[in-house]
Amino acid sequence: MAAIRFDIVKFNGITNFNLWQVRMMTILVQTGLKKLCLGNRVLQEVLMAKTSSTLWKRLETLYATKSLVNRLVLKQLIFTFRMNEYELLRDHISQFITLLNDLNNVEVKIDDEAHVMLLLCSLPSSYKSFRETLIYDRDKLSFQDVKGHLLSKDKLDNEFGSDNKVDKQASILIASKK
């Protein structure tokens, strides 16, 4: 039998529980492993669990609670989420999607159009012309469309440098306008 090694970050109660849970479940399903990788503090919280089902439920209770406070805190995070000028666009979008997933996990539903506006409004002022060009004269705009346009813009900026930012923002949107 060949040994398989996985580099798993211990869940310490600070990292995003939902992402860690998905990673762990994937590894557990693929390998049939029964052991979890938990930090000492978290391990003490679930030490008395007799079954894996009980352990998962305890972890979810501790770190993925659907309480009013948790829902309101997550809503506040997404409504005030902003990108700074020096942050990488890909990282910003990834963090935004993580917030959306966290909200979805606590059963907060936000429609696709609101996803679009929340993401566009989270962009810095340097994206103003991009934002205006993107939403002008459209009947519908999906989150996936906006994400795709932003990632295309980011790729162009990275390939050609961002000396002429405004011209590139407009050119990519006009070329892909539906």
C-alpha atoms as a PDB file:
ATOM      1  CA  MET A   1       0.000   0.000   0.000  1.00  0.00           C
ATOM      2  CA  ALA A   2       1.430   3.360  -1.030  1.00  0.00           C
ATOM      3  CA  ALA A   3       1.473   6.176   1.505  1.00  0.00           C
ATOM      4  CA  ILE A   4      -0.257   9.375   0.488  1.00  0.00           C
ATOM      5  CA  ARG A   5       0.788  12.618   2.093  1.00  0.00           C
ATOM      6  CA  PHE A   6      -1.426  15.686   2.326  1.00  0.00           C
ATOM      7  CA  ASP A   7      -0.291  19.049   3.605  1.00  0.00           C
ATOM      8  CA  ILE A   8      -3.241  20.077   5.718  1.00  0.00           C
ATOM      9  CA  VAL A   9      -3.386  23.274   7.697  1.00  0.00           C
ATOM     10  CA  LYS A  10      -4.685  22.625  11.192  1.00  0.00           C
ATOM     11  CA  PHE A  11      -7.996  24.286  11.907  1.00  0.00           C
ATOM     12  CA  ASN A  12      -7.275  26.721  14.722  1.00  0.00           C
ATOM     13  CA  GLY A  13     -10.631  28.480  15.038  1.00  0.00           C
ATOM     14  CA  ILE A  14      -9.328  31.599  13.301  1.00  0.00           C
ATOM     15  CA  THR A  15      -9.131  30.449   9.677  1.00  0.00           C
ATOM     16  CA  ASN A  16     -12.297  30.212   7.585  1.00  0.00           C
ATOM     17  CA  PHE A  17     -14.136  27.148   8.849  1.00  0.00           C
ATOM     18  CA  ASN A  18     -16.267  26.672   5.720  1.00  0.00           C
ATOM     19  CA  LEU A  19     -13.268  26.491   3.379  1.00  0.00           C
ATOM     20  CA  TRP A  20     -11.354  24.244   5.772  1.00  0.00           C
ATOM     21  CA  GLN A  21     -14.399  21.962   6.078  1.00  0.00           C
ATOM     22  CA  VAL A  22     -14.684  21.570   2.305  1.00  0.00           C
ATOM     23  CA  ARG A  23     -10.971  20.782   1.999  1.00  0.00           C
ATOM     24  CA  MET A  24     -11.134  18.226   4.803  1.00  0.00           C
ATOM     25  CA  MET A  25     -14.274  16.535   3.489  1.00  0.00           C
ATOM     26  CA  THR A  26     -12.674  16.230   0.060  1.00  0.00           C
ATOM     27  CA  ILE A  27      -9.569  14.589   1.492  1.00  0.00           C
ATOM     28  CA  LEU A  28     -11.583  12.330   3.789  1.00  0.00           C
ATOM     29  CA  VAL A  29     -13.788  11.161   0.933  1.00  0.00           C
ATOM     30  CA  GLN A  30     -10.834  10.595  -1.413  1.00  0.00           C
ATOM     31  CA  THR A  31      -8.764   8.666   1.088  1.00  0.00           C
ATOM     32  CA  GLY A  32     -11.267   7.203   3.510  1.00  0.00           C
ATOM     33  CA  LEU A  33      -9.282   8.708   6.377  1.00  0.00           C
ATOM     34  CA  LYS A  34     -10.946   9.107   9.738  1.00  0.00           C
ATOM     35  CA  LYS A  35      -8.589  11.563  11.440  1.00  0.00           C
ATOM     36  CA  LEU A  36      -9.007  15.310  11.340  1.00  0.00           C
ATOM     37  CA  CYS A  37      -6.307  17.910  11.528  1.00  0.00           C
ATOM     38  CA  LEU A  38      -7.258  20.214  14.401  1.00  0.00           C
ATOM     39  CA  GLY A  39      -5.289  22.655  16.500  1.00  0.00           C
ATOM     40  CA  ASN A  40      -5.063  21.976  20.243  1.00  0.00           C
ATOM     41  CA  ARG A  41      -7.582  24.665  21.207  1.00  0.00           C
ATOM     42  CA  VAL A  42     -10.165  23.389  18.723  1.00  0.00           C
ATOM     43  CA  LEU A  43      -9.423  19.783  19.597  1.00  0.00           C
ATOM     44  CA  GLN A  44     -10.288  20.505  23.230  1.00  0.00           C
ATOM     45  CA  GLU A  45     -13.683  21.808  22.088  1.00  0.00           C
ATOM     46  CA  VAL A  46     -14.588  18.525  20.341  1.00  0.00           C
ATOM     47  CA  LEU A  47     -12.673  16.052  22.486  1.00  0.00           C
ATOM     48  CA  MET A  48     -15.794  14.377  23.918  1.00  0.00           C
ATOM     49  CA  ALA A  49     -17.382  13.626  20.525  1.00  0.00           C
ATOM     50  CA  LYS A  50     -17.774   9.868  20.104  1.00  0.00           C
ATOM     51  CA  THR A  51     -18.591   9.765  16.385  1.00  0.00           C
ATOM     52  CA  SER A  52     -17.417  11.690  13.363  1.00  0.00           C
ATOM     53  CA  SER A  53     -20.973  12.909  12.813  1.00  0.00           C
ATOM     54  CA  THR A  54     -21.104  14.334  16.348  1.00  0.00           C
ATOM     55  CA  LEU A  55     -17.698  15.914  15.869  1.00  0.00           C
ATOM     56  CA  TRP A  56     -18.730  17.634  12.605  1.00  0.00           C
ATOM     57  CA  LYS A  57     -21.957  18.894  14.162  1.00  0.00           C
ATOM     58  CA  ARG A  58     -20.011  20.337  17.113  1.00  0.00           C
ATOM     59  CA  LEU A  59     -17.547  22.058  14.775  1.00  0.00           C
ATOM     60  CA  GLU A  60     -20.422  23.487  12.733  1.00  0.00           C
ATOM     61  CA  THR A  61     -22.113  24.716  15.912  1.00  0.00           C
ATOM     62  CA  LEU A  62     -18.934  26.443  17.029  1.00  0.00           C
ATOM     63  CA  TYR A  63     -17.723  27.887  13.733  1.00  0.00           C
ATOM     64  CA  ALA A  64     -20.599  27.959  11.240  1.00  0.00           C
ATOM     65  CA  THR A  65     -23.471  29.117  13.418  1.00  0.00           C
ATOM     66  CA  LYS A  66     -26.578  30.484  11.734  1.00  0.00           C
ATOM     67  CA  SER A  67     -27.380  32.876  14.577  1.00  0.00           C
ATOM     68  CA  LEU A  68     -28.759  36.361  14.037  1.00  0.00           C
ATOM     69  CA  VAL A  69     -25.497  37.881  15.249  1.00  0.00           C
ATOM     70  CA  ASN A  70     -23.420  35.841  12.792  1.00  0.00           C
ATOM     71  CA  ARG A  71     -25.752  36.698   9.893  1.00  0.00           C
ATOM     72  CA  LEU A  72     -25.646  40.405  10.726  1.00  0.00           C
ATOM     73  CA  VAL A  73     -21.864  40.436  11.122  1.00  0.00           C
ATOM     74  CA  LEU A  74     -21.445  38.707   7.747  1.00  0.00           C
ATOM     75  CA  LYS A  75     -23.881  41.133   6.107  1.00  0.00           C
ATOM     76  CA  GLN A  76     -21.982  44.050   7.588  1.00  0.00           C
ATOM     77  CA  LEU A  77     -18.725  42.607   6.258  1.00  0.00           C
ATOM     78  CA  ILE A  78     -20.023  42.306   2.706  1.00  0.00           C
ATOM     79  CA  PHE A  79     -21.809  45.684   2.706  1.00  0.00           C
ATOM     80  CA  THR A  80     -18.629  47.456   3.864  1.00  0.00           C
ATOM     81  CA  PHE A  81     -16.185  45.302   1.869  1.00  0.00           C
ATOM     82  CA  ARG A  82     -13.793  47.519  -0.111  1.00  0.00           C
ATOM     83  CA  MET A  83     -10.734  46.951  -2.245  1.00  0.00           C
ATOM     84  CA  ASN A  84      -7.727  49.162  -1.680  1.00  0.00           C
ATOM     85  CA  GLU A  85      -5.750  50.476  -4.658  1.00  0.00           C
ATOM     86  CA  TYR A  86      -2.778  48.172  -4.049  1.00  0.00           C
ATOM     87  CA  GLU A  87      -4.695  44.952  -3.510  1.00  0.00           C
ATOM     88  CA  LEU A  88      -4.630  42.349  -6.263  1.00  0.00           C
ATOM     89  CA  LEU A  89      -7.965  42.141  -8.072  1.00  0.00           C
ATOM     90  CA  ARG A  90      -7.926  38.326  -8.049  1.00  0.00           C
ATOM     91  CA  ASP A  91      -7.445  38.323  -4.274  1.00  0.00           C
ATOM     92  CA  HIS A  92     -10.269  40.821  -3.835  1.00  0.00           C
ATOM     93  CA  ILE A  93     -12.665  38.733  -5.928  1.00  0.00           C
ATOM     94  CA  SER A  94     -11.636  35.593  -4.052  1.00  0.00           C
ATOM     95  CA  GLN A  95     -12.316  37.263  -0.692  1.00  0.00           C
ATOM     96  CA  PHE A  96     -15.642  38.550  -2.001  1.00  0.00           C
ATOM     97  CA  ILE A  97     -16.678  35.038  -3.102  1.00  0.00           C
ATOM     98  CA  THR A  98     -15.631  33.691   0.305  1.00  0.00           C
ATOM     99  CA  LEU A  99     -17.941  36.220   1.948  1.00  0.00           C
ATOM    100  CA  LEU A 100     -20.774  35.198  -0.404  1.00  0.00           C
ATOM    101  CA  ASN A 101     -20.182  31.533   0.467  1.00  0.00           C
ATOM    102  CA  ASP A 102     -20.135  32.318   4.185  1.00  0.00           C
ATOM    103  CA  LEU A 103     -23.455  34.154   3.818  1.00  0.00           C
ATOM    104  CA  ASN A 104     -24.914  31.276   1.848  1.00  0.00           C
ATOM    105  CA  ASN A 105     -23.787  28.810   4.531  1.00  0.00           C
ATOM    106  CA  VAL A 106     -25.773  30.711   7.168  1.00  0.00           C
ATOM    107  CA  GLU A 107     -28.749  30.801   4.780  1.00  0.00           C
ATOM    108  CA  VAL A 108     -28.583  34.481   3.847  1.00  0.00           C
ATOM    109  CA  LYS A 109     -29.798  34.753   0.277  1.00  0.00           C
ATOM    110  CA  ILE A 110     -28.606  37.624  -1.902  1.00  0.00           C
ATOM    111  CA  ASP A 111     -29.711  37.655  -5.520  1.00  0.00           C
ATOM    112  CA  ASP A 112     -27.303  37.758  -8.449  1.00  0.00           C
ATOM    113  CA  GLU A 113     -27.983  41.408  -9.284  1.00  0.00           C
ATOM    114  CA  ALA A 114     -27.117  42.397  -5.715  1.00  0.00           C
ATOM    115  CA  HIS A 115     -23.888  40.338  -6.006  1.00  0.00           C
ATOM    116  CA  VAL A 116     -23.029  42.408  -9.083  1.00  0.00           C
ATOM    117  CA  MET A 117     -23.650  45.745  -7.386  1.00  0.00           C
ATOM    118  CA  LEU A 118     -21.881  44.768  -4.165  1.00  0.00           C
ATOM    119  CA  LEU A 119     -18.798  43.702  -6.116  1.00  0.00           C
ATOM    120  CA  LEU A 120     -18.795  46.780  -8.359  1.00  0.00           C
ATOM    121  CA  CYS A 121     -19.288  49.120  -5.393  1.00  0.00           C
ATOM    122  CA  SER A 122     -16.419  47.442  -3.550  1.00  0.00           C
ATOM    123  CA  LEU A 123     -13.961  48.526  -6.249  1.00  0.00           C
ATOM    124  CA  PRO A 124     -11.798  51.631  -5.738  1.00  0.00           C
ATOM    125  CA  SER A 125     -12.428  54.912  -7.539  1.00  0.00           C
ATOM    126  CA  SER A 126      -9.853  54.024 -10.216  1.00  0.00           C
ATOM    127  CA  TYR A 127     -12.456  51.553 -11.571  1.00  0.00           C
ATOM    128  CA  LYS A 128     -15.117  54.256 -12.028  1.00  0.00           C
ATOM    129  CA  SER A 129     -15.020  54.345 -15.836  1.00  0.00           C
ATOM    130  CA  PHE A 130     -14.843  50.544 -15.963  1.00  0.00           C
ATOM    131  CA  ARG A 131     -17.900  50.284 -13.699  1.00  0.00           C
ATOM    132  CA  GLU A 132     -19.879  52.851 -15.723  1.00  0.00           C
ATOM    133  CA  THR A 133     -18.992  51.264 -19.065  1.00  0.00           C
ATOM    134  CA  LEU A 134     -19.935  47.840 -17.754  1.00  0.00           C
ATOM    135  CA  ILE A 135     -23.432  48.744 -16.587  1.00  0.00           C
ATOM    136  CA  TYR A 136     -24.331  51.251 -19.318  1.00  0.00           C
ATOM    137  CA  ASP A 137     -27.084  50.235 -21.759  1.00  0.00           C
ATOM    138  CA  ARG A 138     -27.611  46.688 -20.485  1.00  0.00           C
ATOM    139  CA  ASP A 139     -30.785  44.843 -19.657  1.00  0.00           C
ATOM    140  CA  LYS A 140     -29.126  42.183 -17.539  1.00  0.00           C
ATOM    141  CA  LEU A 141     -25.708  41.629 -16.044  1.00  0.00           C
ATOM    142  CA  SER A 142     -24.776  38.490 -14.132  1.00  0.00           C
ATOM    143  CA  PHE A 143     -22.174  38.105 -11.411  1.00  0.00           C
ATOM    144  CA  GLN A 144     -20.278  35.642 -13.615  1.00  0.00           C
ATOM    145  CA  ASP A 145     -20.192  38.241 -16.441  1.00  0.00           C
ATOM    146  CA  VAL A 146     -18.831  40.929 -14.133  1.00  0.00           C
ATOM    147  CA  LYS A 147     -16.277  38.583 -12.610  1.00  0.00           C
ATOM    148  CA  GLY A 148     -15.168  37.532 -16.102  1.00  0.00           C
ATOM    149  CA  HIS A 149     -14.819  41.145 -17.268  1.00  0.00           C
ATOM    150  CA  LEU A 150     -12.842  42.059 -14.167  1.00  0.00           C
ATOM    151  CA  LEU A 151     -10.497  39.090 -14.520  1.00  0.00           C
ATOM    152  CA  SER A 152     -10.000  39.867 -18.231  1.00  0.00           C
ATOM    153  CA  LYS A 153      -9.197  43.465 -17.357  1.00  0.00           C
ATOM    154  CA  ASP A 154      -6.765  42.272 -14.706  1.00  0.00           C
ATOM    155  CA  LYS A 155      -5.085  39.933 -17.185  1.00  0.00           C
ATOM    156  CA  LEU A 156      -4.700  42.734 -19.743  1.00  0.00           C
ATOM    157  CA  ASP A 157      -3.318  45.090 -17.113  1.00  0.00           C
ATOM    158  CA  ASN A 158      -0.803  42.472 -16.035  1.00  0.00           C
ATOM    159  CA  GLU A 159       0.259  41.600 -19.585  1.00  0.00           C
ATOM    160  CA  PHE A 160       0.582  45.149 -20.890  1.00  0.00           C
ATOM    161  CA  GLY A 161       1.247  47.072 -17.693  1.00  0.00           C
ATOM    162  CA  SER A 162      -1.269  49.542 -16.383  1.00  0.00           C
ATOM    163  CA  ASP A 163       0.150  52.811 -17.773  1.00  0.00           C
ATOM    164  CA  ASN A 164      -3.002  53.701 -19.667  1.00  0.00           C
ATOM    165  CA  LYS A 165      -5.542  52.266 -17.226  1.00  0.00           C
ATOM    166  CA  VAL A 166      -8.617  54.202 -18.359  1.00  0.00           C
ATOM    167  CA  ASP A 167      -8.206  53.368 -22.065  1.00  0.00           C
ATOM    168  CA  LYS A 168      -7.753  49.656 -21.354  1.00  0.00           C
ATOM    169  CA  GLN A 169     -10.777  49.573 -19.051  1.00  0.00           C
ATOM    170  CA  ALA A 170     -12.988  51.008 -21.753  1.00  0.00           C
ATOM    171  CA  SER A 171     -11.534  48.963 -24.600  1.00  0.00           C
ATOM    172  CA  ILE A 172     -12.036  45.586 -22.954  1.00  0.00           C
ATOM    173  CA  LEU A 173     -15.627  46.403 -22.071  1.00  0.00           C
ATOM    174  CA  ILE A 174     -16.564  47.702 -25.497  1.00  0.00           C
ATOM    175  CA  ALA A 175     -14.992  44.688 -27.156  1.00  0.00           C
ATOM    176  CA  SER A 176     -16.954  42.277 -24.965  1.00  0.00           C
ATOM    177  CA  LYS A 177     -20.219  44.214 -24.641  1.00  0.00           C
ATOM    178  CA  LYS A 178     -23.256  42.040 -25.359  1.00  0.00           C
END
